[in-house]
PDB file of N, CA and C in Angstrom:
ATOM      1  N   UNK A   1     -88.506   0.971 -31.744  1.00  0.00           N
ATOM      2  CA  UNK A   1     -87.273   1.140 -30.472  1.00  0.00           C
ATOM      3  C   UNK A   1     -85.544   1.081 -30.832  1.00  0.00           C
ATOM      4  N   UNK A   2     -84.888   1.287 -29.980  1.00  0.00           N
ATOM      5  CA  UNK A   2     -83.763   0.997 -30.956  1.00  0.00           C
ATOM      6  C   UNK A   2     -83.054   1.256 -28.794  1.00  0.00           C
ATOM      7  N   UNK A   3     -82.645   0.384 -28.699  1.00  0.00           N
ATOM      8  CA  UNK A   3     -82.012  -0.611 -27.734  1.00  0.00           C
ATOM      9  C   UNK A   3     -80.082  -0.044 -26.710  1.00  0.00           C
ATOM     10  N   UNK A   4     -79.879   0.982 -27.159  1.00  0.00           N
ATOM     11  CA  UNK A   4     -78.804   1.389 -26.991  1.00  0.00           C
ATOM     12  C   UNK A   4     -77.636   0.493 -25.974  1.00  0.00           C
ATOM     13  N   UNK A   5     -78.021   0.432 -24.955  1.00  0.00           N
ATOM     14  CA  UNK A   5     -78.197  -0.273 -23.247  1.00  0.00           C
ATOM     15  C   UNK A   5     -79.287  -0.521 -22.566  1.00  0.00           C
ATOM     16  N   UNK A   6     -79.167  -1.611 -21.756  1.00  0.00           N
ATOM     17  CA  UNK A   6     -79.413  -2.596 -20.533  1.00  0.00           C
ATOM     18  C   UNK A   6     -80.153  -0.881 -20.072  1.00  0.00           C
ATOM     19  N   UNK A   7     -80.203  -0.154 -19.898  1.00  0.00           N
ATOM     20  CA  UNK A   7     -80.808   0.595 -19.517  1.00  0.00           C
ATOM     21  C   UNK A   7     -81.794   1.965 -20.087  1.00  0.00           C
ATOM     22  N   UNK A   8     -80.958   2.549 -21.404  1.00  0.00           N
ATOM     23  CA  UNK A   8     -81.091   3.271 -22.262  1.00  0.00           C
ATOM     24  C   UNK A   8     -81.675   3.301 -23.960  1.00  0.00           C
ATOM     25  N   UNK A   9     -83.121   3.360 -24.233  1.00  0.00           N
ATOM     26  CA  UNK A   9     -83.667   2.796 -25.363  1.00  0.00           C
ATOM     27  C   UNK A   9     -84.273   4.228 -25.917  1.00  0.00           C
ATOM     28  N   UNK A  10     -84.282   4.690 -27.453  1.00  0.00           N
ATOM     29  CA  UNK A  10     -84.550   5.692 -27.898  1.00  0.00           C
ATOM     30  C   UNK A  10     -85.946   4.620 -29.224  1.00  0.00           C
ATOM     31  N   UNK A  11     -87.267   5.900 -29.113  1.00  0.00           N
ATOM     32  CA  UNK A  11     -88.423   5.026 -29.225  1.00  0.00           C
ATOM     33  C   UNK A  11     -88.375   6.047 -30.875  1.00  0.00           C
ATOM     34  N   UNK A  12     -89.261   5.429 -31.308  1.00  0.00           N
ATOM     35  CA  UNK A  12     -90.198   6.504 -32.571  1.00  0.00           C
ATOM     36  C   UNK A  12     -91.270   6.081 -33.045  1.00  0.00           C
ATOM     37  N   UNK A  13     -92.200   7.033 -32.973  1.00  0.00           N
ATOM     38  CA  UNK A  13     -93.939   6.825 -33.231  1.00  0.00           C
ATOM     39  C   UNK A  13     -94.441   7.354 -34.099  1.00  0.00           C
ATOM     40  N   UNK A  14     -95.270   6.898 -34.943  1.00  0.00           N
ATOM     41  CA  UNK A  14     -95.801   7.494 -36.159  1.00  0.00           C
ATOM     42  C   UNK A  14     -97.873   6.848 -35.956  1.00  0.00           C
ATOM     43  N   UNK A  15     -98.112   8.701 -36.499  1.00  0.00           N
ATOM     44  CA  UNK A  15     -99.845   7.378 -36.485  1.00  0.00           C
ATOM     45  C   UNK A  15    -100.854   8.798 -36.913  1.00  0.00           C
ATOM     46  N   UNK A  16    -101.736   8.175 -37.425  1.00  0.00           N
ATOM     47  CA  UNK A  16    -102.543   9.065 -38.281  1.00  0.00           C
ATOM     48  C   UNK A  16    -104.205   8.210 -38.103  1.00  0.00           C
ATOM     49  N   UNK A  17    -105.420   9.777 -38.743  1.00  0.00           N
ATOM     50  CA  UNK A  17    -106.508   8.935 -38.084  1.00  0.00           C
ATOM     51  C   UNK A  17    -107.427   9.443 -38.997  1.00  0.00           C
ATOM     52  N   UNK A  18    -108.414   9.433 -39.171  1.00  0.00           N
ATOM     53  CA  UNK A  18    -109.624   9.994 -39.868  1.00  0.00           C
ATOM     54  C   UNK A  18    -110.700   9.772 -38.709  1.00  0.00           C
ATOM     55  N   UNK A  19    -111.841  10.614 -39.220  1.00  0.00           N
ATOM     56  CA  UNK A  19    -112.900  10.364 -38.353  1.00  0.00           C
ATOM     57  C   UNK A  19    -114.307  11.231 -38.979  1.00  0.00           C
ATOM     58  N   UNK A  20    -115.169  10.795 -38.968  1.00  0.00           N
ATOM     59  CA  UNK A  20    -115.927  11.627 -40.262  1.00  0.00           C
ATOM     60  C   UNK A  20    -117.783  11.636 -39.177  1.00  0.00           C
ATOM     61  N   UNK A  21    -117.737  12.903 -38.385  1.00  0.00           N
ATOM     62  CA  UNK A  21    -118.413  12.998 -37.970  1.00  0.00           C
ATOM     63  C   UNK A  21    -120.306  14.257 -38.989  1.00  0.00           C
ATOM     64  N   UNK A  22    -120.427  12.843 -39.147  1.00  0.00           N
ATOM     65  CA  UNK A  22    -122.270  14.188 -39.102  1.00  0.00           C
ATOM     66  C   UNK A  22    -122.174  15.528 -38.815  1.00  0.00           C
ATOM     67  N   UNK A  23    -122.429  15.559 -37.979  1.00  0.00           N
ATOM     68  CA  UNK A  23    -122.616  16.892 -37.120  1.00  0.00           C
ATOM     69  C   UNK A  23    -121.319  18.128 -37.359  1.00  0.00           C
ATOM     70  N   UNK A  24    -120.466  16.847 -36.923  1.00  0.00           N
ATOM     71  CA  UNK A  24    -119.246  18.068 -37.036  1.00  0.00           C
ATOM     72  C   UNK A  24    -117.962  17.938 -38.028  1.00  0.00           C
ATOM     73  N   UNK A  25    -118.378  17.359 -38.806  1.00  0.00           N
ATOM     74  CA  UNK A  25    -116.855  17.539 -40.313  1.00  0.00           C
ATOM     75  C   UNK A  25    -116.252  16.449 -40.005  1.00  0.00           C
ATOM     76  N   UNK A  26    -114.869  16.644 -40.479  1.00  0.00           N
ATOM     77  CA  UNK A  26    -114.631  15.515 -41.242  1.00  0.00           C
ATOM     78  C   UNK A  26    -112.968  16.209 -39.644  1.00  0.00           C
ATOM     79  N   UNK A  27    -112.699  15.097 -39.670  1.00  0.00           N
ATOM     80  CA  UNK A  27    -111.518  15.208 -38.327  1.00  0.00           C
ATOM     81  C   UNK A  27    -110.434  14.375 -38.627  1.00  0.00           C
ATOM     82  N   UNK A  28    -109.172  14.814 -39.263  1.00  0.00           N
ATOM     83  CA  UNK A  28    -108.131  13.754 -40.358  1.00  0.00           C
ATOM     84  C   UNK A  28    -106.564  14.548 -39.011  1.00  0.00           C
ATOM     85  N   UNK A  29    -105.412  13.818 -39.509  1.00  0.00           N
ATOM     86  CA  UNK A  29    -104.471  13.999 -38.593  1.00  0.00           C
ATOM     87  C   UNK A  29    -103.272  13.119 -38.600  1.00  0.00           C
ATOM     88  N   UNK A  30    -101.800  13.697 -38.116  1.00  0.00           N
ATOM     89  CA  UNK A  30    -100.661  12.930 -37.780  1.00  0.00           C
ATOM     90  C   UNK A  30     -99.777  13.390 -36.832  1.00  0.00           C
ATOM     91  N   UNK A  31     -99.203  12.378 -36.120  1.00  0.00           N
ATOM     92  CA  UNK A  31     -98.421  12.453 -35.672  1.00  0.00           C
ATOM     93  C   UNK A  31     -97.121  11.600 -35.693  1.00  0.00           C
ATOM     94  N   UNK A  32     -95.723  12.376 -35.041  1.00  0.00           N
ATOM     95  CA  UNK A  32     -95.264  12.074 -34.997  1.00  0.00           C
ATOM     96  C   UNK A  32     -94.478  11.507 -33.939  1.00  0.00           C
ATOM     97  N   UNK A  33     -93.545  10.848 -32.727  1.00  0.00           N
ATOM     98  CA  UNK A  33     -93.039  11.295 -32.250  1.00  0.00           C
ATOM     99  C   UNK A  33     -91.523   9.898 -31.612  1.00  0.00           C
ATOM    100  N   UNK A  34     -90.290  11.583 -31.227  1.00  0.00           N
ATOM    101  CA  UNK A  34     -89.142  10.912 -30.639  1.00  0.00           C
ATOM    102  C   UNK A  34     -89.334  11.004 -29.479  1.00  0.00           C
ATOM    103  N   UNK A  35     -88.586   9.173 -28.913  1.00  0.00           N
ATOM    104  CA  UNK A  35     -88.639   9.719 -27.352  1.00  0.00           C
ATOM    105  C   UNK A  35     -87.285   9.340 -26.502  1.00  0.00           C
ATOM    106  N   UNK A  36     -86.610   8.972 -25.722  1.00  0.00           N
ATOM    107  CA  UNK A  36     -85.571   8.696 -25.292  1.00  0.00           C
ATOM    108  C   UNK A  36     -86.248   8.263 -23.436  1.00  0.00           C
ATOM    109  N   UNK A  37     -85.674   7.230 -23.951  1.00  0.00           N
ATOM    110  CA  UNK A  37     -86.299   6.627 -22.118  1.00  0.00           C
ATOM    111  C   UNK A  37     -85.190   5.960 -21.685  1.00  0.00           C
ATOM    112  N   UNK A  38     -85.109   5.871 -20.109  1.00  0.00           N
ATOM    113  CA  UNK A  38     -84.735   5.584 -19.081  1.00  0.00           C
ATOM    114  C   UNK A  38     -85.785   4.160 -18.822  1.00  0.00           C
ATOM    115  N   UNK A  39     -84.739   2.898 -18.659  1.00  0.00           N
ATOM    116  CA  UNK A  39     -85.844   2.240 -17.823  1.00  0.00           C
ATOM    117  C   UNK A  39     -84.819   1.820 -16.774  1.00  0.00           C
ATOM    118  N   UNK A  40     -85.229   0.483 -15.657  1.00  0.00           N
ATOM    119  CA  UNK A  40     -84.920  -0.889 -15.225  1.00  0.00           C
ATOM    120  C   UNK A  40     -84.365  -1.922 -15.991  1.00  0.00           C
ATOM    121  N   UNK A  41     -84.790  -1.843 -17.212  1.00  0.00           N
ATOM    122  CA  UNK A  41     -83.944  -3.286 -17.915  1.00  0.00           C
ATOM    123  C   UNK A  41     -83.785  -2.947 -19.504  1.00  0.00           C
ATOM    124  N   UNK A  42     -83.876  -4.215 -19.832  1.00  0.00           N
ATOM    125  CA  UNK A  42     -83.599  -4.460 -20.810  1.00  0.00           C
ATOM    126  C   UNK A  42     -85.450  -4.416 -21.744  1.00  0.00           C
ATOM    127  N   UNK A  43     -85.476  -3.824 -23.051  1.00  0.00           N
ATOM    128  CA  UNK A  43     -87.135  -5.019 -23.652  1.00  0.00           C
ATOM    129  C   UNK A  43     -88.060  -3.989 -23.394  1.00  0.00           C
ATOM    130  N   UNK A  44     -89.138  -3.696 -24.233  1.00  0.00           N
ATOM    131  CA  UNK A  44     -89.498  -2.242 -25.066  1.00  0.00           C
ATOM    132  C   UNK A  44     -90.683  -2.202 -23.130  1.00  0.00           C
ATOM    133  N   UNK A  45     -91.184  -3.481 -22.706  1.00  0.00           N
ATOM    134  CA  UNK A  45     -92.158  -3.091 -21.521  1.00  0.00           C
ATOM    135  C   UNK A  45     -91.212  -2.911 -20.124  1.00  0.00           C
ATOM    136  N   UNK A  46     -89.926  -3.297 -19.780  1.00  0.00           N
ATOM    137  CA  UNK A  46     -89.518  -2.369 -18.832  1.00  0.00           C
ATOM    138  C   UNK A  46     -89.515  -1.455 -18.000  1.00  0.00           C
ATOM    139  N   UNK A  47     -90.114  -2.045 -16.810  1.00  0.00           N
ATOM    140  CA  UNK A  47     -90.677  -0.645 -16.079  1.00  0.00           C
ATOM    141  C   UNK A  47     -89.958  -0.555 -14.240  1.00  0.00           C
ATOM    142  N   UNK A  48     -89.956   0.207 -14.074  1.00  0.00           N
ATOM    143  CA  UNK A  48     -90.599   1.710 -14.768  1.00  0.00           C
ATOM    144  C   UNK A  48     -89.213   2.373 -15.430  1.00  0.00           C
ATOM    145  N   UNK A  49     -90.005   3.621 -15.847  1.00  0.00           N
ATOM    146  CA  UNK A  49     -89.285   4.266 -17.518  1.00  0.00           C
ATOM    147  C   UNK A  49     -89.705   5.425 -17.017  1.00  0.00           C
ATOM    148  N   UNK A  50     -88.746   6.093 -17.181  1.00  0.00           N
ATOM    149  CA  UNK A  50     -89.010   8.232 -17.392  1.00  0.00           C
ATOM    150  C   UNK A  50     -88.646   8.053 -19.090  1.00  0.00           C
ATOM    151  N   UNK A  51     -89.760   8.999 -19.632  1.00  0.00           N
ATOM    152  CA  UNK A  51     -89.444   8.742 -20.705  1.00  0.00           C
ATOM    153  C   UNK A  51     -89.176  10.564 -21.528  1.00  0.00           C
ATOM    154  N   UNK A  52     -88.154  11.449 -22.079  1.00  0.00           N
ATOM    155  CA  UNK A  52     -88.421  12.988 -22.663  1.00  0.00           C
ATOM    156  C   UNK A  52     -88.483  12.355 -23.680  1.00  0.00           C
ATOM    157  N   UNK A  53     -89.912  13.132 -24.967  1.00  0.00           N
ATOM    158  CA  UNK A  53     -90.236  13.171 -25.347  1.00  0.00           C
ATOM    159  C   UNK A  53     -90.754  14.268 -26.781  1.00  0.00           C
ATOM    160  N   UNK A  54     -89.675  14.568 -27.344  1.00  0.00           N
ATOM    161  CA  UNK A  54     -91.122  15.424 -28.268  1.00  0.00           C
ATOM    162  C   UNK A  54     -91.754  15.587 -29.580  1.00  0.00           C
ATOM    163  N   UNK A  55     -93.095  15.929 -29.679  1.00  0.00           N
ATOM    164  CA  UNK A  55     -94.414  15.469 -30.401  1.00  0.00           C
ATOM    165  C   UNK A  55     -94.678  16.244 -31.983  1.00  0.00           C
ATOM    166  N   UNK A  56     -94.630  16.287 -32.918  1.00  0.00           N
ATOM    167  CA  UNK A  56     -95.529  17.500 -33.589  1.00  0.00           C
ATOM    168  C   UNK A  56     -96.654  16.620 -34.762  1.00  0.00           C
ATOM    169  N   UNK A  57     -97.697  17.223 -34.691  1.00  0.00           N
ATOM    170  CA  UNK A  57     -98.998  17.352 -34.279  1.00  0.00           C
ATOM    171  C   UNK A  57     -99.094  17.926 -35.942  1.00  0.00           C
ATOM    172  N   UNK A  58    -100.481  17.334 -36.506  1.00  0.00           N
ATOM    173  CA  UNK A  58    -100.349  18.162 -38.039  1.00  0.00           C
ATOM    174  C   UNK A  58    -102.160  17.779 -37.865  1.00  0.00           C
ATOM    175  N   UNK A  59    -102.444  18.695 -37.816  1.00  0.00           N
ATOM    176  CA  UNK A  59    -103.963  18.936 -37.987  1.00  0.00           C
ATOM    177  C   UNK A  59    -104.415  19.559 -40.143  1.00  0.00           C
ATOM    178  N   UNK A  60    -104.716  17.910 -40.282  1.00  0.00           N
ATOM    179  CA  UNK A  60    -105.579  18.301 -41.855  1.00  0.00           C
ATOM    180  C   UNK A  60    -106.987  18.749 -41.822  1.00  0.00           C
ATOM    181  N   UNK A  61    -107.758  18.857 -40.220  1.00  0.00           N
ATOM    182  CA  UNK A  61    -109.170  18.195 -40.003  1.00  0.00           C
ATOM    183  C   UNK A  61    -109.857  19.977 -40.833  1.00  0.00           C
ATOM    184  N   UNK A  62    -110.920  19.726 -41.573  1.00  0.00           N
ATOM    185  CA  UNK A  62    -112.290  21.346 -41.423  1.00  0.00           C
ATOM    186  C   UNK A  62    -112.349  22.025 -40.256  1.00  0.00           C
ATOM    187  N   UNK A  63    -111.857  21.502 -39.288  1.00  0.00           N
ATOM    188  CA  UNK A  63    -112.077  22.282 -37.904  1.00  0.00           C
ATOM    189  C   UNK A  63    -111.057  22.157 -37.176  1.00  0.00           C
ATOM    190  N   UNK A  64    -110.560  23.192 -36.451  1.00  0.00           N
ATOM    191  CA  UNK A  64    -109.319  23.261 -35.622  1.00  0.00           C
ATOM    192  C   UNK A  64    -108.944  22.341 -34.774  1.00  0.00           C
ATOM    193  N   UNK A  65    -108.021  21.890 -34.279  1.00  0.00           N
ATOM    194  CA  UNK A  65    -107.880  20.602 -33.097  1.00  0.00           C
ATOM    195  C   UNK A  65    -107.524  20.454 -31.955  1.00  0.00           C
ATOM    196  N   UNK A  66    -106.513  21.663 -32.891  1.00  0.00           N
ATOM    197  CA  UNK A  66    -104.892  21.798 -31.625  1.00  0.00           C
ATOM    198  C   UNK A  66    -105.847  22.874 -30.452  1.00  0.00           C
ATOM    199  N   UNK A  67    -104.543  22.650 -29.565  1.00  0.00           N
ATOM    200  CA  UNK A  67    -104.540  24.011 -28.529  1.00  0.00           C
ATOM    201  C   UNK A  67    -104.791  25.061 -28.757  1.00  0.00           C
ATOM    202  N   UNK A  68    -104.470  24.920 -29.861  1.00  0.00           N
ATOM    203  CA  UNK A  68    -103.991  27.822 -30.448  1.00  0.00           C
ATOM    204  C   UNK A  68    -104.533  26.889 -31.379  1.00  0.00           C
ATOM    205  N   UNK A  69    -106.108  27.174 -31.927  1.00  0.00           N
ATOM    206  CA  UNK A  69    -106.901  26.251 -32.406  1.00  0.00           C
ATOM    207  C   UNK A  69    -106.890  27.448 -34.192  1.00  0.00           C
ATOM    208  N   UNK A  70    -106.173  28.099 -33.600  1.00  0.00           N
ATOM    209  CA  UNK A  70    -105.528  28.729 -35.493  1.00  0.00           C
ATOM    210  C   UNK A  70    -104.507  28.562 -36.375  1.00  0.00           C
ATOM    211  N   UNK A  71    -103.734  26.872 -35.808  1.00  0.00           N
ATOM    212  CA  UNK A  71    -102.342  27.180 -35.917  1.00  0.00           C
ATOM    213  C   UNK A  71    -102.799  25.570 -37.183  1.00  0.00           C
ATOM    214  N   UNK A  72    -102.240  25.230 -38.018  1.00  0.00           N
ATOM    215  CA  UNK A  72    -102.376  23.603 -37.560  1.00  0.00           C
ATOM    216  C   UNK A  72    -101.462  22.907 -38.110  1.00  0.00           C
ATOM    217  N   UNK A  73    -100.252  23.138 -37.135  1.00  0.00           N
ATOM    218  CA  UNK A  73     -99.260  22.001 -36.234  1.00  0.00           C
ATOM    219  C   UNK A  73     -98.882  22.572 -35.075  1.00  0.00           C
ATOM    220  N   UNK A  74     -98.175  21.598 -34.732  1.00  0.00           N
ATOM    221  CA  UNK A  74     -97.946  21.990 -32.708  1.00  0.00           C
ATOM    222  C   UNK A  74     -96.479  20.782 -32.633  1.00  0.00           C
ATOM    223  N   UNK A  75     -95.764  21.383 -31.958  1.00  0.00           N
ATOM    224  CA  UNK A  75     -94.693  20.457 -31.304  1.00  0.00           C
ATOM    225  C   UNK A  75     -95.412  20.279 -29.889  1.00  0.00           C
ATOM    226  N   UNK A  76     -95.096  19.205 -29.656  1.00  0.00           N
ATOM    227  CA  UNK A  76     -94.748  19.236 -28.066  1.00  0.00           C
ATOM    228  C   UNK A  76     -93.986  18.761 -27.319  1.00  0.00           C
ATOM    229  N   UNK A  77     -92.681  19.087 -26.175  1.00  0.00           N
ATOM    230  CA  UNK A  77     -92.052  18.370 -25.236  1.00  0.00           C
ATOM    231  C   UNK A  77     -92.452  18.335 -23.887  1.00  0.00           C
ATOM    232  N   UNK A  78     -92.292  16.712 -23.475  1.00  0.00           N
ATOM    233  CA  UNK A  78     -92.790  16.434 -22.438  1.00  0.00           C
ATOM    234  C   UNK A  78     -91.664  16.255 -21.674  1.00  0.00           C
ATOM    235  N   UNK A  79     -92.692  14.912 -20.033  1.00  0.00           N
ATOM    236  CA  UNK A  79     -91.641  13.977 -19.244  1.00  0.00           C
ATOM    237  C   UNK A  79     -92.996  13.098 -19.515  1.00  0.00           C
ATOM    238  N   UNK A  80     -92.517  11.928 -19.456  1.00  0.00           N
ATOM    239  CA  UNK A  80     -93.749  10.861 -18.618  1.00  0.00           C
ATOM    240  C   UNK A  80     -93.063  10.241 -18.047  1.00  0.00           C
ATOM    241  N   UNK A  81     -93.155   9.767 -16.702  1.00  0.00           N
ATOM    242  CA  UNK A  81     -93.516   8.635 -15.979  1.00  0.00           C
ATOM    243  C   UNK A  81     -93.914   7.168 -15.953  1.00  0.00           C
ATOM    244  N   UNK A  82     -93.517   5.988 -16.639  1.00  0.00           N
ATOM    245  CA  UNK A  82     -94.572   4.942 -16.417  1.00  0.00           C
ATOM    246  C   UNK A  82     -94.145   3.866 -15.113  1.00  0.00           C
ATOM    247  N   UNK A  83     -95.004   3.410 -14.653  1.00  0.00           N
ATOM    248  CA  UNK A  83     -94.094   2.260 -13.070  1.00  0.00           C
ATOM    249  C   UNK A  83     -95.319   1.680 -13.817  1.00  0.00           C
ATOM    250  N   UNK A  84     -95.359   0.024 -13.808  1.00  0.00           N
ATOM    251  CA  UNK A  84     -96.491  -1.006 -13.688  1.00  0.00           C
ATOM    252  C   UNK A  84     -96.281  -1.620 -11.820  1.00  0.00           C
ATOM    253  N   UNK A  85     -97.529  -2.009 -11.344  1.00  0.00           N
ATOM    254  CA  UNK A  85     -97.682  -2.639 -10.462  1.00  0.00           C
ATOM    255  C   UNK A  85     -98.006  -3.796  -9.958  1.00  0.00           C
TER     256      UNK A  85
END
């Protein structure tokens, strides 16, 4: 995370997974997300927060897991709102 101002920050996330199933084959993949976040204060846990994000998904599985089963890569764009009470 990079905090630009008290209320604006950019968040980077990366991850990967490997799952082995005896009945369903191997499932593995990775993701990379970049999000621009706007919150009511400084710090990673400042809430409420609105995020605009883009996520790149890579499916390296034996069986298709993405929304379009014929593809191995997918790019998602979205908006997320998070508030704690």
